[in-house]
Amino acid sequence: MMLSLASESGFQEERKLLEDVFEPEQRPDGSYFVYTYDQRYYKVLSACAKLRLKTRNLPEGNPSYIEISAADWEAVFGGITIVAPAQEQQNRVSLSPVTSAPAVEEDETTDFNIEEAVEELAQASKAESSFADQPAPQPEPRKSVTMEAVDLEQRQKETYRARTEALQSREEAINSREDAVRSREDAAKNRESSISALEREIAASEATFTEKEKEIEARYEKLERQRIELEDQAALLQKQKQQLADLAAHLRGVADAL
């Protein structure tokens, strides 16, 4: 299913985005593809969802990057050799944001400790030296560390702003859906009321038709009785007419005899 979905032309933009932002990384515990949070965070999440990539937000508790196992990545994009050094992952862990919640006020970012950042960079340099079996590099000047701190602070602000905008968009979408549901419920209630009114009107019309049918039947029976009576009267008149004709003939006979 993943391969068929990933090959659809409609997902080419998502594929290109993920191939641009994710970097291969080889670690002692396996191969991964890693993306560090930036302003494209929510687009990346959406693309992963569309391509059905299984992702992990790390570190736990205060994530700053997304990783995908090489097996899950290759199921969608095909096999790619992992050549990135492990130092990428070590630096990422040492420089991960340490704030306890995403809702960070801007004035709290001034609590960033430069000395701790220097110590973390020094530890990362020692780890790189141990891993590569090379002499430890010279510590970077304080100005470089300060720039790292500024970059980290800026990234925190951008991440917070992006998350805030996304939450606002989601809230607006939820409100819109709730309004749409309420409108549909009102429309359904109006239709139910209209149907009930029509049913009552139909019932009243049926009752009226029944009464009219009974009235018509009663009139028909009355007309039938009147027809019979008229026929009887016509027969009587015919009989009386015949009697008068006979009487007239008799009187003419008597007159002739005289």
C-alpha atoms as a PDB file:
ATOM      1  CA  MET A   1       0.000   0.000   0.000  1.00  0.00           C
ATOM      2  CA  MET A   2       2.835   2.442   0.800  1.00  0.00           C
ATOM      3  CA  LEU A   3       4.522   1.863  -2.525  1.00  0.00           C
ATOM      4  CA  SER A   4       1.345   2.492  -4.473  1.00  0.00           C
ATOM      5  CA  LEU A   5       0.589   5.639  -2.525  1.00  0.00           C
ATOM      6  CA  ALA A   6       4.113   7.029  -2.857  1.00  0.00           C
ATOM      7  CA  SER A   7       4.125   6.478  -6.620  1.00  0.00           C
ATOM      8  CA  GLU A   8       1.013   8.576  -7.250  1.00  0.00           C
ATOM      9  CA  SER A   9       1.695  11.797  -9.164  1.00  0.00           C
ATOM     10  CA  GLY A  10      -0.345  13.775  -6.626  1.00  0.00           C
ATOM     11  CA  PHE A  11       2.365  13.212  -3.960  1.00  0.00           C
ATOM     12  CA  GLN A  12       5.401  14.303  -5.974  1.00  0.00           C
ATOM     13  CA  GLU A  13       5.582  17.619  -4.102  1.00  0.00           C
ATOM     14  CA  GLU A  14       5.494  15.831  -0.737  1.00  0.00           C
ATOM     15  CA  ARG A  15       8.182  13.364  -1.851  1.00  0.00           C
ATOM     16  CA  LYS A  16      10.436  16.213  -3.008  1.00  0.00           C
ATOM     17  CA  LEU A  17       9.968  18.064   0.297  1.00  0.00           C
ATOM     18  CA  LEU A  18      10.869  15.029   2.407  1.00  0.00           C
ATOM     19  CA  GLU A  19      13.882  14.192   0.245  1.00  0.00           C
ATOM     20  CA  ASP A  20      15.101  17.782   0.718  1.00  0.00           C
ATOM     21  CA  VAL A  21      14.673  18.088   4.491  1.00  0.00           C
ATOM     22  CA  PHE A  22      15.536  14.582   5.729  1.00  0.00           C
ATOM     23  CA  GLU A  23      19.189  13.615   6.011  1.00  0.00           C
ATOM     24  CA  PRO A  24      20.513  10.047   6.270  1.00  0.00           C
ATOM     25  CA  GLU A  25      22.252   9.164   9.497  1.00  0.00           C
ATOM     26  CA  GLN A  26      24.132   6.028  10.543  1.00  0.00           C
ATOM     27  CA  ARG A  27      24.173   5.143  14.259  1.00  0.00           C
ATOM     28  CA  PRO A  28      25.384   2.154  16.251  1.00  0.00           C
ATOM     29  CA  ASP A  29      21.783   1.002  16.699  1.00  0.00           C
ATOM     30  CA  GLY A  30      20.847   1.291  13.012  1.00  0.00           C
ATOM     31  CA  SER A  31      20.202   3.609  10.060  1.00  0.00           C
ATOM     32  CA  TYR A  32      17.785   6.556  10.154  1.00  0.00           C
ATOM     33  CA  PHE A  33      16.596   9.585   8.234  1.00  0.00           C
ATOM     34  CA  VAL A  34      16.423  12.729  10.382  1.00  0.00           C
ATOM     35  CA  TYR A  35      14.751  16.129  10.012  1.00  0.00           C
ATOM     36  CA  THR A  36      15.433  18.976  12.491  1.00  0.00           C
ATOM     37  CA  TYR A  37      12.484  21.274  13.203  1.00  0.00           C
ATOM     38  CA  ASP A  38      12.225  24.478  11.163  1.00  0.00           C
ATOM     39  CA  GLN A  39       9.432  26.648   9.728  1.00  0.00           C
ATOM     40  CA  ARG A  40       8.392  23.758   7.454  1.00  0.00           C
ATOM     41  CA  TYR A  41       7.554  21.516  10.434  1.00  0.00           C
ATOM     42  CA  TYR A  42       3.812  21.183   9.778  1.00  0.00           C
ATOM     43  CA  LYS A  43       4.268  20.754   6.027  1.00  0.00           C
ATOM     44  CA  VAL A  44       6.713  17.949   6.761  1.00  0.00           C
ATOM     45  CA  LEU A  45       4.271  16.295   9.160  1.00  0.00           C
ATOM     46  CA  SER A  46       1.500  16.545   6.560  1.00  0.00           C
ATOM     47  CA  ALA A  47       3.725  15.052   3.850  1.00  0.00           C
ATOM     48  CA  CYS A  48       4.710  12.155   6.139  1.00  0.00           C
ATOM     49  CA  ALA A  49       1.048  11.491   6.874  1.00  0.00           C
ATOM     50  CA  LYS A  50       0.097  11.508   3.184  1.00  0.00           C
ATOM     51  CA  LEU A  51       2.908   9.069   2.338  1.00  0.00           C
ATOM     52  CA  ARG A  52       2.131   7.023   5.489  1.00  0.00           C
ATOM     53  CA  LEU A  53       5.657   7.239   6.834  1.00  0.00           C
ATOM     54  CA  LYS A  54       6.056   6.081  10.426  1.00  0.00           C
ATOM     55  CA  THR A  55       7.771   8.948  12.314  1.00  0.00           C
ATOM     56  CA  ARG A  56       9.113   9.586  15.825  1.00  0.00           C
ATOM     57  CA  ASN A  57       9.405  13.011  17.486  1.00  0.00           C
ATOM     58  CA  LEU A  58      12.522  13.122  19.680  1.00  0.00           C
ATOM     59  CA  PRO A  59      13.855  13.718  22.266  1.00  0.00           C
ATOM     60  CA  GLU A  60      10.901  12.613  24.364  1.00  0.00           C
ATOM     61  CA  GLY A  61       9.294  15.316  26.477  1.00  0.00           C
ATOM     62  CA  ASN A  62      10.677  18.211  24.415  1.00  0.00           C
ATOM     63  CA  PRO A  63      11.170  17.069  20.808  1.00  0.00           C
ATOM     64  CA  SER A  64      13.230  19.060  18.328  1.00  0.00           C
ATOM     65  CA  TYR A  65      13.667  16.619  15.442  1.00  0.00           C
ATOM     66  CA  ILE A  66      11.873  13.807  13.608  1.00  0.00           C
ATOM     67  CA  GLU A  67      13.436  10.479  12.730  1.00  0.00           C
ATOM     68  CA  ILE A  68      12.321   7.705  10.365  1.00  0.00           C
ATOM     69  CA  SER A  69      13.873   4.261  10.342  1.00  0.00           C
ATOM     70  CA  ALA A  70      15.703   3.315   7.159  1.00  0.00           C
ATOM     71  CA  ALA A  71      13.341   0.361   6.659  1.00  0.00           C
ATOM     72  CA  ASP A  72      10.252   2.609   6.736  1.00  0.00           C
ATOM     73  CA  TRP A  73      11.966   5.158   4.490  1.00  0.00           C
ATOM     74  CA  GLU A  74      13.039   2.556   1.933  1.00  0.00           C
ATOM     75  CA  ALA A  75       9.494   1.133   1.802  1.00  0.00           C
ATOM     76  CA  VAL A  76       8.420   4.421   0.211  1.00  0.00           C
ATOM     77  CA  PHE A  77      11.536   5.908  -1.442  1.00  0.00           C
ATOM     78  CA  GLY A  78      13.546   2.803  -2.209  1.00  0.00           C
ATOM     79  CA  GLY A  79      16.982   1.812  -0.916  1.00  0.00           C
ATOM     80  CA  ILE A  80      19.491   4.592  -0.089  1.00  0.00           C
ATOM     81  CA  THR A  81      22.944   4.097   1.409  1.00  0.00           C
ATOM     82  CA  ILE A  82      23.409   5.862   4.756  1.00  0.00           C
ATOM     83  CA  VAL A  83      26.708   7.778   4.772  1.00  0.00           C
ATOM     84  CA  ALA A  84      26.136  10.632   7.237  1.00  0.00           C
ATOM     85  CA  PRO A  85      28.431  10.572  10.335  1.00  0.00           C
ATOM     86  CA  ALA A  86      27.123   9.858  13.826  1.00  0.00           C
ATOM     87  CA  GLN A  87      28.272  13.325  14.978  1.00  0.00           C
ATOM     88  CA  GLU A  88      25.013  14.767  13.525  1.00  0.00           C
ATOM     89  CA  GLN A  89      22.985  12.773  16.053  1.00  0.00           C
ATOM     90  CA  GLN A  90      25.338  13.580  18.955  1.00  0.00           C
ATOM     91  CA  ASN A  91      25.173  17.325  18.301  1.00  0.00           C
ATOM     92  CA  ARG A  92      21.420  17.126  17.965  1.00  0.00           C
ATOM     93  CA  VAL A  93      21.065  15.513  21.396  1.00  0.00           C
ATOM     94  CA  SER A  94      23.446  17.964  23.082  1.00  0.00           C
ATOM     95  CA  LEU A  95      21.831  21.054  21.527  1.00  0.00           C
ATOM     96  CA  SER A  96      18.175  20.002  21.944  1.00  0.00           C
ATOM     97  CA  PRO A  97      15.957  22.688  23.489  1.00  0.00           C
ATOM     98  CA  VAL A  98      15.568  22.244  27.238  1.00  0.00           C
ATOM     99  CA  THR A  99      12.394  24.241  27.811  1.00  0.00           C
ATOM    100  CA  SER A 100       9.711  22.330  29.709  1.00  0.00           C
ATOM    101  CA  ALA A 101       6.734  23.431  27.578  1.00  0.00           C
ATOM    102  CA  PRO A 102       6.155  24.894  24.098  1.00  0.00           C
ATOM    103  CA  ALA A 103       4.398  28.006  25.456  1.00  0.00           C
ATOM    104  CA  VAL A 104       7.569  29.955  26.203  1.00  0.00           C
ATOM    105  CA  GLU A 105       7.308  33.675  26.839  1.00  0.00           C
ATOM    106  CA  GLU A 106       9.832  35.757  24.896  1.00  0.00           C
ATOM    107  CA  ASP A 107      11.410  37.244  27.996  1.00  0.00           C
ATOM    108  CA  GLU A 108      12.201  33.723  29.314  1.00  0.00           C
ATOM    109  CA  THR A 109      14.663  33.116  26.492  1.00  0.00           C
ATOM    110  CA  THR A 110      17.067  35.538  28.176  1.00  0.00           C
ATOM    111  CA  ASP A 111      17.742  32.795  30.783  1.00  0.00           C
ATOM    112  CA  PHE A 112      19.871  30.873  28.259  1.00  0.00           C
ATOM    113  CA  ASN A 113      23.160  29.981  29.965  1.00  0.00           C
ATOM    114  CA  ILE A 114      26.154  30.617  27.681  1.00  0.00           C
ATOM    115  CA  GLU A 115      28.528  28.758  29.997  1.00  0.00           C
ATOM    116  CA  GLU A 116      26.365  25.632  29.876  1.00  0.00           C
ATOM    117  CA  ALA A 117      26.264  25.867  26.074  1.00  0.00           C
ATOM    118  CA  VAL A 118      30.083  26.075  26.018  1.00  0.00           C
ATOM    119  CA  GLU A 119      30.285  22.990  28.231  1.00  0.00           C
ATOM    120  CA  GLU A 120      27.824  21.075  26.024  1.00  0.00           C
ATOM    121  CA  LEU A 121      29.784  21.955  22.882  1.00  0.00           C
ATOM    122  CA  ALA A 122      32.996  20.848  24.535  1.00  0.00           C
ATOM    123  CA  GLN A 123      31.418  17.516  25.504  1.00  0.00           C
ATOM    124  CA  ALA A 124      30.132  17.081  21.934  1.00  0.00           C
ATOM    125  CA  SER A 125      33.644  17.759  20.601  1.00  0.00           C
ATOM    126  CA  LYS A 126      35.090  15.142  22.971  1.00  0.00           C
ATOM    127  CA  ALA A 127      32.483  12.620  21.860  1.00  0.00           C
ATOM    128  CA  GLU A 128      33.357  13.253  18.225  1.00  0.00           C
ATOM    129  CA  SER A 129      37.047  12.796  18.976  1.00  0.00           C
ATOM    130  CA  SER A 130      36.405   9.503  20.760  1.00  0.00           C
ATOM    131  CA  PHE A 131      34.181   8.225  17.991  1.00  0.00           C
ATOM    132  CA  ALA A 132      36.531   9.117  15.115  1.00  0.00           C
ATOM    133  CA  ASP A 133      39.689   8.093  17.006  1.00  0.00           C
ATOM    134  CA  GLN A 134      41.243  11.488  16.336  1.00  0.00           C
ATOM    135  CA  PRO A 135      42.746  14.200  18.565  1.00  0.00           C
ATOM    136  CA  ALA A 136      40.183  16.438  20.248  1.00  0.00           C
ATOM    137  CA  PRO A 137      39.579  19.662  18.245  1.00  0.00           C
ATOM    138  CA  GLN A 138      40.168  23.079  19.774  1.00  0.00           C
ATOM    139  CA  PRO A 139      37.074  24.619  21.465  1.00  0.00           C
ATOM    140  CA  GLU A 140      35.265  27.125  19.274  1.00  0.00           C
ATOM    141  CA  PRO A 141      35.492  30.816  20.219  1.00  0.00           C
ATOM    142  CA  ARG A 142      32.834  32.256  22.524  1.00  0.00           C
ATOM    143  CA  LYS A 143      31.449  34.262  19.607  1.00  0.00           C
ATOM    144  CA  SER A 144      30.590  31.039  17.727  1.00  0.00           C
ATOM    145  CA  VAL A 145      28.867  29.619  20.802  1.00  0.00           C
ATOM    146  CA  THR A 146      26.891  32.841  21.158  1.00  0.00           C
ATOM    147  CA  MET A 147      25.771  32.569  17.560  1.00  0.00           C
ATOM    148  CA  GLU A 148      24.720  28.969  18.218  1.00  0.00           C
ATOM    149  CA  ALA A 149      22.683  30.204  21.182  1.00  0.00           C
ATOM    150  CA  VAL A 150      21.093  32.938  19.089  1.00  0.00           C
ATOM    151  CA  ASP A 151      20.273  30.439  16.342  1.00  0.00           C
ATOM    152  CA  LEU A 152      18.764  28.073  18.905  1.00  0.00           C
ATOM    153  CA  GLU A 153      16.723  30.883  20.445  1.00  0.00           C
ATOM    154  CA  GLN A 154      15.524  32.000  17.028  1.00  0.00           C
ATOM    155  CA  ARG A 155      14.578  28.453  16.112  1.00  0.00           C
ATOM    156  CA  GLN A 156      12.667  28.111  19.377  1.00  0.00           C
ATOM    157  CA  LYS A 157      10.751  31.303  18.619  1.00  0.00           C
ATOM    158  CA  GLU A 158       9.989  30.192  15.057  1.00  0.00           C
ATOM    159  CA  THR A 159       8.877  26.765  16.254  1.00  0.00           C
ATOM    160  CA  TYR A 160       6.668  28.326  18.919  1.00  0.00           C
ATOM    161  CA  ARG A 161       5.198  30.770  16.405  1.00  0.00           C
ATOM    162  CA  ALA A 162       4.577  27.995  13.866  1.00  0.00           C
ATOM    163  CA  ARG A 163       2.913  25.810  16.480  1.00  0.00           C
ATOM    164  CA  THR A 164       0.791  28.727  17.693  1.00  0.00           C
ATOM    165  CA  GLU A 165      -0.355  29.517  14.156  1.00  0.00           C
ATOM    166  CA  ALA A 166      -1.094  25.847  13.525  1.00  0.00           C
ATOM    167  CA  LEU A 167      -3.122  25.594  16.737  1.00  0.00           C
ATOM    168  CA  GLN A 168      -5.053  28.731  15.792  1.00  0.00           C
ATOM    169  CA  SER A 169      -5.728  27.297  12.342  1.00  0.00           C
ATOM    170  CA  ARG A 170      -6.898  24.042  13.878  1.00  0.00           C
ATOM    171  CA  GLU A 171      -9.124  25.897  16.327  1.00  0.00           C
ATOM    172  CA  GLU A 172     -10.647  27.924  13.492  1.00  0.00           C
ATOM    173  CA  ALA A 173     -11.180  24.738  11.480  1.00  0.00           C
ATOM    174  CA  ILE A 174     -12.859  23.068  14.468  1.00  0.00           C
ATOM    175  CA  ASN A 175     -15.081  26.104  15.011  1.00  0.00           C
ATOM    176  CA  SER A 176     -16.001  26.082  11.327  1.00  0.00           C
ATOM    177  CA  ARG A 177     -16.866  22.402  11.488  1.00  0.00           C
ATOM    178  CA  GLU A 178     -18.965  22.986  14.623  1.00  0.00           C
ATOM    179  CA  ASP A 179     -20.814  25.832  12.867  1.00  0.00           C
ATOM    180  CA  ALA A 180     -21.389  23.586   9.867  1.00  0.00           C
ATOM    181  CA  VAL A 181     -22.722  20.799  12.112  1.00  0.00           C
ATOM    182  CA  ARG A 182     -25.044  23.224  13.879  1.00  0.00           C
ATOM    183  CA  SER A 183     -26.277  24.529  10.531  1.00  0.00           C
ATOM    184  CA  ARG A 184     -26.944  20.985   9.379  1.00  0.00           C
ATOM    185  CA  GLU A 185     -28.770  20.203  12.615  1.00  0.00           C
ATOM    186  CA  ASP A 186     -30.916  23.342  12.228  1.00  0.00           C
ATOM    187  CA  ALA A 187     -31.632  22.439   8.603  1.00  0.00           C
ATOM    188  CA  ALA A 188     -32.566  18.893   9.655  1.00  0.00           C
ATOM    189  CA  LYS A 189     -34.895  20.254  12.364  1.00  0.00           C
ATOM    190  CA  ASN A 190     -36.497  22.600   9.831  1.00  0.00           C
ATOM    191  CA  ARG A 191     -36.988  19.722   7.405  1.00  0.00           C
ATOM    192  CA  GLU A 192     -38.494  17.601  10.172  1.00  0.00           C
ATOM    193  CA  SER A 193     -40.862  20.438  11.091  1.00  0.00           C
ATOM    194  CA  SER A 194     -41.840  20.873   7.434  1.00  0.00           C
ATOM    195  CA  ILE A 195     -42.429  17.140   7.057  1.00  0.00           C
ATOM    196  CA  SER A 196     -44.543  17.078  10.224  1.00  0.00           C
ATOM    197  CA  ALA A 197     -46.591  20.033   8.962  1.00  0.00           C
ATOM    198  CA  LEU A 198     -47.095  18.301   5.600  1.00  0.00           C
ATOM    199  CA  GLU A 199     -48.116  15.080   7.330  1.00  0.00           C
ATOM    200  CA  ARG A 200     -50.698  16.979   9.404  1.00  0.00           C
ATOM    201  CA  GLU A 201     -51.962  18.727   6.278  1.00  0.00           C
ATOM    202  CA  ILE A 202     -52.235  15.408   4.431  1.00  0.00           C
ATOM    203  CA  ALA A 203     -54.106  13.854   7.366  1.00  0.00           C
ATOM    204  CA  ALA A 204     -56.527  16.801   7.437  1.00  0.00           C
ATOM    205  CA  SER A 205     -57.043  16.556   3.672  1.00  0.00           C
ATOM    206  CA  GLU A 206     -57.714  12.828   3.930  1.00  0.00           C
ATOM    207  CA  ALA A 207     -60.283  13.471   6.659  1.00  0.00           C
ATOM    208  CA  THR A 208     -61.923  16.132   4.475  1.00  0.00           C
ATOM    209  CA  PHE A 209     -62.000  13.786   1.475  1.00  0.00           C
ATOM    210  CA  THR A 210     -63.584  11.063   3.615  1.00  0.00           C
ATOM    211  CA  GLU A 211     -66.308  13.444   4.782  1.00  0.00           C
ATOM    212  CA  LYS A 212     -66.938  14.598   1.225  1.00  0.00           C
ATOM    213  CA  GLU A 213     -67.168  10.990   0.015  1.00  0.00           C
ATOM    214  CA  LYS A 214     -69.741  10.257   2.698  1.00  0.00           C
ATOM    215  CA  GLU A 215     -71.670  13.400   1.732  1.00  0.00           C
ATOM    216  CA  ILE A 216     -71.603  12.440  -1.959  1.00  0.00           C
ATOM    217  CA  GLU A 217     -72.814   8.929  -1.158  1.00  0.00           C
ATOM    218  CA  ALA A 218     -75.670  10.374   0.940  1.00  0.00           C
ATOM    219  CA  ARG A 219     -76.662  12.700  -1.912  1.00  0.00           C
ATOM    220  CA  TYR A 220     -76.511   9.839  -4.400  1.00  0.00           C
ATOM    221  CA  GLU A 221     -78.820   7.754  -2.217  1.00  0.00           C
ATOM    222  CA  LYS A 222     -81.203  10.725  -1.919  1.00  0.00           C
ATOM    223  CA  LEU A 223     -81.224  11.243  -5.671  1.00  0.00           C
ATOM    224  CA  GLU A 224     -81.918   7.546  -6.182  1.00  0.00           C
ATOM    225  CA  ARG A 225     -84.901   7.749  -3.853  1.00  0.00           C
ATOM    226  CA  GLN A 226     -86.158  10.848  -5.669  1.00  0.00           C
ATOM    227  CA  ARG A 227     -85.746   9.079  -9.034  1.00  0.00           C
ATOM    228  CA  ILE A 228     -87.856   6.167  -7.818  1.00  0.00           C
ATOM    229  CA  GLU A 229     -90.487   8.544  -6.500  1.00  0.00           C
ATOM    230  CA  LEU A 230     -90.572  10.430  -9.816  1.00  0.00           C
ATOM    231  CA  GLU A 231     -90.949   7.171 -11.723  1.00  0.00           C
ATOM    232  CA  ASP A 232     -93.842   6.187  -9.479  1.00  0.00           C
ATOM    233  CA  GLN A 233     -95.448   9.588  -9.983  1.00  0.00           C
ATOM    234  CA  ALA A 234     -94.942   9.343 -13.744  1.00  0.00           C
ATOM    235  CA  ALA A 235     -96.598   5.929 -13.780  1.00  0.00           C
ATOM    236  CA  LEU A 236     -99.511   7.314 -11.759  1.00  0.00           C
ATOM    237  CA  LEU A 237     -99.885  10.265 -14.094  1.00  0.00           C
ATOM    238  CA  GLN A 238     -99.809   7.929 -17.100  1.00  0.00           C
ATOM    239  CA  LYS A 239    -102.538   5.819 -15.506  1.00  0.00           C
ATOM    240  CA  GLN A 240    -104.642   8.897 -14.740  1.00  0.00           C
ATOM    241  CA  LYS A 241    -104.070  10.125 -18.296  1.00  0.00           C
ATOM    242  CA  GLN A 242    -105.341   6.818 -19.646  1.00  0.00           C
ATOM    243  CA  GLN A 243    -108.375   6.997 -17.380  1.00  0.00           C
ATOM    244  CA  LEU A 244    -109.151  10.502 -18.620  1.00  0.00           C
ATOM    245  CA  ALA A 245    -108.758   9.310 -22.217  1.00  0.00           C
ATOM    246  CA  ASP A 246    -111.212   6.446 -21.561  1.00  0.00           C
ATOM    247  CA  LEU A 247    -113.680   8.826 -19.890  1.00  0.00           C
ATOM    248  CA  ALA A 248    -113.470  11.226 -22.816  1.00  0.00           C
ATOM    249  CA  ALA A 249    -114.144   8.383 -25.262  1.00  0.00           C
ATOM    250  CA  HIS A 250    -117.140   7.280 -23.200  1.00  0.00           C
ATOM    251  CA  LEU A 251    -118.562  10.789 -23.136  1.00  0.00           C
ATOM    252  CA  ARG A 252    -118.202  11.085 -26.905  1.00  0.00           C
ATOM    253  CA  GLY A 253    -120.091   7.788 -27.301  1.00  0.00           C
ATOM    254  CA  VAL A 254    -122.912   8.999 -25.092  1.00  0.00           C
ATOM    255  CA  ALA A 255    -123.115  12.269 -26.969  1.00  0.00           C
ATOM    256  CA  ASP A 256    -123.329  10.491 -30.304  1.00  0.00           C
ATOM    257  CA  ALA A 257    -126.144   8.298 -29.009  1.00  0.00           C
ATOM    258  CA  LEU A 258    -128.233  11.272 -28.044  1.00  0.00           C
END
